[in-house]
Amino acid sequence: EYARPAAWNPMRYLFAPILSVLEPFALE
């Protein structure tokens, strides 16, 4: 599964908005 990236990982901040649009349940 997906998981919440480490704080140092840029994906934590860049990928979350993408998932919120394309994968509306993923952030849960």
PDB file of all heavy atoms in Angstrom:
ATOM      1  N   GLU A   1       0.824  -1.205   0.000  1.00  0.00           N
ATOM      2  CA  GLU A   1       0.000   0.000   0.000  1.00  0.00           C
ATOM      3  C   GLU A   1       0.863   1.263   0.000  1.00  0.00           C
ATOM      4  O   GLU A   1       2.064   1.213   0.225  1.00  0.00           O
ATOM      5  CB  GLU A   1      -0.905   0.030   1.237  1.00  0.00           C
ATOM      6  CG  GLU A   1      -2.332  -0.390   0.971  1.00  0.00           C
ATOM      7  CD  GLU A   1      -2.969   0.364  -0.193  1.00  0.00           C
ATOM      8  OE1 GLU A   1      -2.519   1.489  -0.524  1.00  0.00           O
ATOM      9  OE2 GLU A   1      -3.909  -0.164  -0.794  1.00  0.00           O
ATOM     10  N   TYR A   2       0.183   2.370  -0.247  1.00  0.00           N
ATOM     11  CA  TYR A   2       0.802   3.660   0.006  1.00  0.00           C
ATOM     12  C   TYR A   2       0.972   3.852   1.508  1.00  0.00           C
ATOM     13  O   TYR A   2       0.317   3.200   2.321  1.00  0.00           O
ATOM     14  CB  TYR A   2      -0.066   4.793  -0.543  1.00  0.00           C
ATOM     15  CG  TYR A   2       0.005   4.957  -2.032  1.00  0.00           C
ATOM     16  CD1 TYR A   2      -1.045   4.531  -2.847  1.00  0.00           C
ATOM     17  CD2 TYR A   2       1.107   5.539  -2.632  1.00  0.00           C
ATOM     18  CE1 TYR A   2      -0.995   4.680  -4.231  1.00  0.00           C
ATOM     19  CE2 TYR A   2       1.182   5.696  -4.006  1.00  0.00           C
ATOM     20  CZ  TYR A   2       0.133   5.267  -4.805  1.00  0.00           C
ATOM     21  OH  TYR A   2       0.201   5.410  -6.164  1.00  0.00           O
ATOM     22  N   ALA A   3       1.864   4.763   1.870  1.00  0.00           N
ATOM     23  CA  ALA A   3       2.061   5.129   3.268  1.00  0.00           C
ATOM     24  C   ALA A   3       2.483   6.593   3.307  1.00  0.00           C
ATOM     25  O   ALA A   3       2.819   7.186   2.278  1.00  0.00           O
ATOM     26  CB  ALA A   3       3.122   4.245   3.921  1.00  0.00           C
ATOM     27  N   ARG A   4       2.474   7.165   4.491  1.00  0.00           N
ATOM     28  CA  ARG A   4       2.879   8.563   4.623  1.00  0.00           C
ATOM     29  C   ARG A   4       4.401   8.641   4.600  1.00  0.00           C
ATOM     30  O   ARG A   4       5.076   8.062   5.452  1.00  0.00           O
ATOM     31  CB  ARG A   4       2.354   9.145   5.931  1.00  0.00           C
ATOM     32  CG  ARG A   4       2.516  10.648   6.028  1.00  0.00           C
ATOM     33  CD  ARG A   4       1.971  11.156   7.347  1.00  0.00           C
ATOM     34  NE  ARG A   4       1.931  12.605   7.379  1.00  0.00           N
ATOM     35  CZ  ARG A   4       1.622  13.319   8.457  1.00  0.00           C
ATOM     36  NH1 ARG A   4       1.325  12.699   9.590  1.00  0.00           N
ATOM     37  NH2 ARG A   4       1.599  14.633   8.410  1.00  0.00           N
ATOM     38  N   PRO A   5       4.981   9.348   3.621  1.00  0.00           N
ATOM     39  CA  PRO A   5       6.437   9.407   3.514  1.00  0.00           C
ATOM     40  C   PRO A   5       7.072  10.077   4.725  1.00  0.00           C
ATOM     41  O   PRO A   5       6.424  10.804   5.485  1.00  0.00           O
ATOM     42  CB  PRO A   5       6.667  10.226   2.242  1.00  0.00           C
ATOM     43  CG  PRO A   5       5.383  10.155   1.485  1.00  0.00           C
ATOM     44  CD  PRO A   5       4.320  10.068   2.530  1.00  0.00           C
ATOM     45  N   ALA A   6       8.364   9.838   4.882  1.00  0.00           N
ATOM     46  CA  ALA A   6       9.123  10.495   5.944  1.00  0.00           C
ATOM     47  C   ALA A   6       9.107  12.011   5.744  1.00  0.00           C
ATOM     48  O   ALA A   6       8.907  12.518   4.634  1.00  0.00           O
ATOM     49  CB  ALA A   6      10.558   9.983   5.937  1.00  0.00           C
ATOM     50  N   ALA A   7       9.336  12.742   6.827  1.00  0.00           N
ATOM     51  CA  ALA A   7       9.266  14.203   6.779  1.00  0.00           C
ATOM     52  C   ALA A   7      10.274  14.795   5.797  1.00  0.00           C
ATOM     53  O   ALA A   7      10.024  15.851   5.206  1.00  0.00           O
ATOM     54  CB  ALA A   7       9.479  14.774   8.175  1.00  0.00           C
ATOM     55  N   TRP A   8      11.411  14.114   5.594  1.00  0.00           N
ATOM     56  CA  TRP A   8      12.427  14.639   4.692  1.00  0.00           C
ATOM     57  C   TRP A   8      12.114  14.358   3.220  1.00  0.00           C
ATOM     58  O   TRP A   8      12.758  14.903   2.322  1.00  0.00           O
ATOM     59  CB  TRP A   8      13.795  14.050   5.020  1.00  0.00           C
ATOM     60  CG  TRP A   8      13.841  12.538   5.029  1.00  0.00           C
ATOM     61  CD1 TRP A   8      13.748  11.729   6.109  1.00  0.00           C
ATOM     62  CD2 TRP A   8      13.988  11.684   3.890  1.00  0.00           C
ATOM     63  NE1 TRP A   8      13.822  10.410   5.728  1.00  0.00           N
ATOM     64  CE2 TRP A   8      13.978  10.355   4.368  1.00  0.00           C
ATOM     65  CE3 TRP A   8      14.137  11.897   2.512  1.00  0.00           C
ATOM     66  CZ2 TRP A   8      14.087   9.248   3.521  1.00  0.00           C
ATOM     67  CZ3 TRP A   8      14.247  10.801   1.675  1.00  0.00           C
ATOM     68  CH2 TRP A   8      14.229   9.497   2.171  1.00  0.00           C
ATOM     69  N   ASN A   9      11.135  13.509   2.964  1.00  0.00           N
ATOM     70  CA  ASN A   9      10.829  13.081   1.605  1.00  0.00           C
ATOM     71  C   ASN A   9       9.944  14.120   0.915  1.00  0.00           C
ATOM     72  O   ASN A   9       8.826  14.383   1.370  1.00  0.00           O
ATOM     73  CB  ASN A   9      10.112  11.723   1.646  1.00  0.00           C
ATOM     74  CG  ASN A   9       9.936  11.114   0.263  1.00  0.00           C
ATOM     75  OD1 ASN A   9      10.030  11.790  -0.754  1.00  0.00           O
ATOM     76  ND2 ASN A   9       9.684   9.813   0.242  1.00  0.00           N
ATOM     77  N   PRO A  10      10.389  14.720  -0.191  1.00  0.00           N
ATOM     78  CA  PRO A  10       9.552  15.704  -0.890  1.00  0.00           C
ATOM     79  C   PRO A  10       8.195  15.156  -1.306  1.00  0.00           C
ATOM     80  O   PRO A  10       7.229  15.918  -1.445  1.00  0.00           O
ATOM     81  CB  PRO A  10      10.397  16.076  -2.117  1.00  0.00           C
ATOM     82  CG  PRO A  10      11.795  15.756  -1.735  1.00  0.00           C
ATOM     83  CD  PRO A  10      11.712  14.554  -0.833  1.00  0.00           C
ATOM     84  N   MET A  11       8.095  13.829  -1.506  1.00  0.00           N
ATOM     85  CA  MET A  11       6.823  13.233  -1.899  1.00  0.00           C
ATOM     86  C   MET A  11       5.734  13.460  -0.846  1.00  0.00           C
ATOM     87  O   MET A  11       4.550  13.450  -1.166  1.00  0.00           O
ATOM     88  CB  MET A  11       6.998  11.730  -2.138  1.00  0.00           C
ATOM     89  CG  MET A  11       7.780  11.396  -3.381  1.00  0.00           C
ATOM     90  SD  MET A  11       6.909  11.919  -4.866  1.00  0.00           S
ATOM     91  CE  MET A  11       8.047  11.358  -6.127  1.00  0.00           C
ATOM     92  N   ARG A  12       6.140  13.636   0.377  1.00  0.00           N
ATOM     93  CA  ARG A  12       5.162  13.875   1.443  1.00  0.00           C
ATOM     94  C   ARG A  12       4.356  15.137   1.174  1.00  0.00           C
ATOM     95  O   ARG A  12       3.179  15.240   1.554  1.00  0.00           O
ATOM     96  CB  ARG A  12       5.879  13.975   2.779  1.00  0.00           C
ATOM     97  CG  ARG A  12       4.970  14.223   3.976  1.00  0.00           C
ATOM     98  CD  ARG A  12       5.701  13.952   5.252  1.00  0.00           C
ATOM     99  NE  ARG A  12       4.882  14.237   6.428  1.00  0.00           N
ATOM    100  CZ  ARG A  12       5.144  13.767   7.643  1.00  0.00           C
ATOM    101  NH1 ARG A  12       6.194  12.974   7.832  1.00  0.00           N
ATOM    102  NH2 ARG A  12       4.373  14.078   8.659  1.00  0.00           N
ATOM    103  N   TYR A  13       4.974  16.097   0.506  1.00  0.00           N
ATOM    104  CA  TYR A  13       4.343  17.383   0.274  1.00  0.00           C
ATOM    105  C   TYR A  13       3.883  17.565  -1.174  1.00  0.00           C
ATOM    106  O   TYR A  13       2.873  18.223  -1.425  1.00  0.00           O
ATOM    107  CB  TYR A  13       5.318  18.503   0.646  1.00  0.00           C
ATOM    108  CG  TYR A  13       5.982  18.233   1.978  1.00  0.00           C
ATOM    109  CD1 TYR A  13       7.274  17.708   2.038  1.00  0.00           C
ATOM    110  CD2 TYR A  13       5.298  18.438   3.178  1.00  0.00           C
ATOM    111  CE1 TYR A  13       7.874  17.422   3.258  1.00  0.00           C
ATOM    112  CE2 TYR A  13       5.892  18.155   4.396  1.00  0.00           C
ATOM    113  CZ  TYR A  13       7.183  17.650   4.431  1.00  0.00           C
ATOM    114  OH  TYR A  13       7.770  17.352   5.641  1.00  0.00           O
ATOM    115  N   LEU A  14       4.591  16.941  -2.120  1.00  0.00           N
ATOM    116  CA  LEU A  14       4.268  17.101  -3.535  1.00  0.00           C
ATOM    117  C   LEU A  14       3.200  16.120  -4.004  1.00  0.00           C
ATOM    118  O   LEU A  14       2.391  16.448  -4.881  1.00  0.00           O
ATOM    119  CB  LEU A  14       5.534  16.931  -4.379  1.00  0.00           C
ATOM    120  CG  LEU A  14       6.666  17.919  -4.112  1.00  0.00           C
ATOM    121  CD1 LEU A  14       7.881  17.592  -4.970  1.00  0.00           C
ATOM    122  CD2 LEU A  14       6.199  19.346  -4.377  1.00  0.00           C
ATOM    123  N   PHE A  15       3.204  14.911  -3.442  1.00  0.00           N
ATOM    124  CA  PHE A  15       2.330  13.859  -3.946  1.00  0.00           C
ATOM    125  C   PHE A  15       0.960  13.869  -3.275  1.00  0.00           C
ATOM    126  O   PHE A  15      -0.025  13.411  -3.858  1.00  0.00           O
ATOM    127  CB  PHE A  15       3.006  12.490  -3.765  1.00  0.00           C
ATOM    128  CG  PHE A  15       2.470  11.424  -4.670  1.00  0.00           C
ATOM    129  CD1 PHE A  15       2.292  11.653  -6.018  1.00  0.00           C
ATOM    130  CD2 PHE A  15       2.144  10.167  -4.178  1.00  0.00           C
ATOM    131  CE1 PHE A  15       1.797  10.666  -6.859  1.00  0.00           C
ATOM    132  CE2 PHE A  15       1.658   9.173  -5.008  1.00  0.00           C
ATOM    133  CZ  PHE A  15       1.477   9.423  -6.352  1.00  0.00           C
ATOM    134  N   ALA A  16       0.882  14.392  -2.059  1.00  0.00           N
ATOM    135  CA  ALA A  16      -0.403  14.412  -1.345  1.00  0.00           C
ATOM    136  C   ALA A  16      -1.491  15.153  -2.126  1.00  0.00           C
ATOM    137  O   ALA A  16      -2.619  14.648  -2.230  1.00  0.00           O
ATOM    138  CB  ALA A  16      -0.225  15.009   0.045  1.00  0.00           C
ATOM    139  N   PRO A  17      -1.232  16.323  -2.709  1.00  0.00           N
ATOM    140  CA  PRO A  17      -2.284  16.997  -3.483  1.00  0.00           C
ATOM    141  C   PRO A  17      -2.739  16.186  -4.694  1.00  0.00           C
ATOM    142  O   PRO A  17      -3.922  16.214  -5.054  1.00  0.00           O
ATOM    143  CB  PRO A  17      -1.624  18.310  -3.915  1.00  0.00           C
ATOM    144  CG  PRO A  17      -0.532  18.535  -2.929  1.00  0.00           C
ATOM    145  CD  PRO A  17      -0.027  17.163  -2.590  1.00  0.00           C
ATOM    146  N   ILE A  18      -1.810  15.451  -5.313  1.00  0.00           N
ATOM    147  CA  ILE A  18      -2.172  14.621  -6.463  1.00  0.00           C
ATOM    148  C   ILE A  18      -3.103  13.500  -6.026  1.00  0.00           C
ATOM    149  O   ILE A  18      -4.137  13.234  -6.644  1.00  0.00           O
ATOM    150  CB  ILE A  18      -0.902  14.049  -7.122  1.00  0.00           C
ATOM    151  CG1 ILE A  18      -0.035  15.180  -7.679  1.00  0.00           C
ATOM    152  CG2 ILE A  18      -1.271  13.074  -8.243  1.00  0.00           C
ATOM    153  CD1 ILE A  18       1.304  14.732  -8.213  1.00  0.00           C
ATOM    154  N   LEU A  19      -2.732  12.831  -4.928  1.00  0.00           N
ATOM    155  CA  LEU A  19      -3.575  11.756  -4.432  1.00  0.00           C
ATOM    156  C   LEU A  19      -4.946  12.265  -4.012  1.00  0.00           C
ATOM    157  O   LEU A  19      -5.962  11.585  -4.212  1.00  0.00           O
ATOM    158  CB  LEU A  19      -2.898  11.067  -3.242  1.00  0.00           C
ATOM    159  CG  LEU A  19      -1.749  10.111  -3.559  1.00  0.00           C
ATOM    160  CD1 LEU A  19      -1.200   9.510  -2.270  1.00  0.00           C
ATOM    161  CD2 LEU A  19      -2.193   8.997  -4.501  1.00  0.00           C
ATOM    162  N   SER A  20      -4.999  13.443  -3.426  1.00  0.00           N
ATOM    163  CA  SER A  20      -6.277  13.962  -2.945  1.00  0.00           C
ATOM    164  C   SER A  20      -7.263  14.162  -4.082  1.00  0.00           C
ATOM    165  O   SER A  20      -8.483  14.106  -3.877  1.00  0.00           O
ATOM    166  CB  SER A  20      -6.064  15.276  -2.197  1.00  0.00           C
ATOM    167  OG  SER A  20      -5.619  16.295  -3.075  1.00  0.00           O
ATOM    168  N   VAL A  21      -6.759  14.375  -5.296  1.00  0.00           N
ATOM    169  CA  VAL A  21      -7.622  14.564  -6.464  1.00  0.00           C
ATOM    170  C   VAL A  21      -7.916  13.239  -7.154  1.00  0.00           C
ATOM    171  O   VAL A  21      -9.076  12.910  -7.426  1.00  0.00           O
ATOM    172  CB  VAL A  21      -6.975  15.548  -7.459  1.00  0.00           C
ATOM    173  CG1 VAL A  21      -7.808  15.634  -8.737  1.00  0.00           C
ATOM    174  CG2 VAL A  21      -6.833  16.921  -6.829  1.00  0.00           C
ATOM    175  N   LEU A  22      -6.861  12.463  -7.424  1.00  0.00           N
ATOM    176  CA  LEU A  22      -7.028  11.236  -8.198  1.00  0.00           C
ATOM    177  C   LEU A  22      -7.404  10.038  -7.343  1.00  0.00           C
ATOM    178  O   LEU A  22      -8.051   9.105  -7.830  1.00  0.00           O
ATOM    179  CB  LEU A  22      -5.734  10.929  -8.965  1.00  0.00           C
ATOM    180  CG  LEU A  22      -5.306  11.971  -9.996  1.00  0.00           C
ATOM    181  CD1 LEU A  22      -4.003  11.546 -10.660  1.00  0.00           C
ATOM    182  CD2 LEU A  22      -6.398  12.186 -11.039  1.00  0.00           C
ATOM    183  N   GLU A  23      -6.981  10.027  -6.098  1.00  0.00           N
ATOM    184  CA  GLU A  23      -7.231   8.897  -5.188  1.00  0.00           C
ATOM    185  C   GLU A  23      -7.846   9.458  -3.905  1.00  0.00           C
ATOM    186  O   GLU A  23      -7.165   9.616  -2.892  1.00  0.00           O
ATOM    187  CB  GLU A  23      -5.915   8.172  -4.875  1.00  0.00           C
ATOM    188  CG  GLU A  23      -5.147   7.701  -6.094  1.00  0.00           C
ATOM    189  CD  GLU A  23      -5.585   6.309  -6.529  1.00  0.00           C
ATOM    190  OE1 GLU A  23      -6.624   5.829  -6.029  1.00  0.00           O
ATOM    191  OE2 GLU A  23      -4.893   5.713  -7.366  1.00  0.00           O
ATOM    192  N   PRO A  24      -9.144   9.766  -3.910  1.00  0.00           N
ATOM    193  CA  PRO A  24      -9.731  10.540  -2.808  1.00  0.00           C
ATOM    194  C   PRO A  24      -9.722   9.848  -1.450  1.00  0.00           C
ATOM    195  O   PRO A  24      -9.926  10.515  -0.430  1.00  0.00           O
ATOM    196  CB  PRO A  24     -11.174  10.772  -3.281  1.00  0.00           C
ATOM    197  CG  PRO A  24     -11.442   9.695  -4.282  1.00  0.00           C
ATOM    198  CD  PRO A  24     -10.132   9.447  -4.957  1.00  0.00           C
ATOM    199  N   PHE A  25      -9.478   8.544  -1.416  1.00  0.00           N
ATOM    200  CA  PHE A  25      -9.470   7.833  -0.133  1.00  0.00           C
ATOM    201  C   PHE A  25      -8.057   7.483   0.333  1.00  0.00           C
ATOM    202  O   PHE A  25      -7.874   6.944   1.411  1.00  0.00           O
ATOM    203  CB  PHE A  25     -10.294   6.551  -0.236  1.00  0.00           C
ATOM    204  CG  PHE A  25     -11.635   6.753  -0.880  1.00  0.00           C
ATOM    205  CD1 PHE A  25     -11.910   6.236  -2.137  1.00  0.00           C
ATOM    206  CD2 PHE A  25     -12.615   7.502  -0.250  1.00  0.00           C
ATOM    207  CE1 PHE A  25     -13.143   6.431  -2.739  1.00  0.00           C
ATOM    208  CE2 PHE A  25     -13.858   7.706  -0.836  1.00  0.00           C
ATOM    209  CZ  PHE A  25     -14.118   7.168  -2.096  1.00  0.00           C
ATOM    210  N   ALA A  26      -7.063   7.789  -0.493  1.00  0.00           N
ATOM    211  CA  ALA A  26      -5.704   7.333  -0.220  1.00  0.00           C
ATOM    212  C   ALA A  26      -5.103   7.978   1.018  1.00  0.00           C
ATOM    213  O   ALA A  26      -4.332   7.339   1.750  1.00  0.00           O
ATOM    214  CB  ALA A  26      -4.808   7.585  -1.434  1.00  0.00           C
ATOM    215  N   LEU A  27      -5.415   9.238   1.264  1.00  0.00           N
ATOM    216  CA  LEU A  27      -4.802   9.916   2.397  1.00  0.00           C
ATOM    217  C   LEU A  27      -5.243   9.319   3.726  1.00  0.00           C
ATOM    218  O   LEU A  27      -4.555   9.472   4.739  1.00  0.00           O
ATOM    219  CB  LEU A  27      -5.095  11.417   2.338  1.00  0.00           C
ATOM    220  CG  LEU A  27      -4.471  12.153   1.141  1.00  0.00           C
ATOM    221  CD1 LEU A  27      -4.764  13.645   1.219  1.00  0.00           C
ATOM    222  CD2 LEU A  27      -2.963  11.913   1.072  1.00  0.00           C
ATOM    223  N   GLU A  28      -6.403   8.641   3.748  1.00  0.00           N
ATOM    224  CA  GLU A  28      -6.805   7.936   4.965  1.00  0.00           C
ATOM    225  C   GLU A  28      -5.807   6.836   5.294  1.00  0.00           C
ATOM    226  O   GLU A  28      -5.513   6.574   6.464  1.00  0.00           O
ATOM    227  CB  GLU A  28      -8.191   7.330   4.785  1.00  0.00           C
ATOM    228  CG  GLU A  28      -9.299   8.353   4.606  1.00  0.00           C
ATOM    229  CD  GLU A  28     -10.645   7.703   4.327  1.00  0.00           C
ATOM    230  OE1 GLU A  28     -10.713   6.444   4.336  1.00  0.00           O
ATOM    231  OE2 GLU A  28     -11.624   8.420   4.086  1.00  0.00           O
TER     232      GLU A  28
END
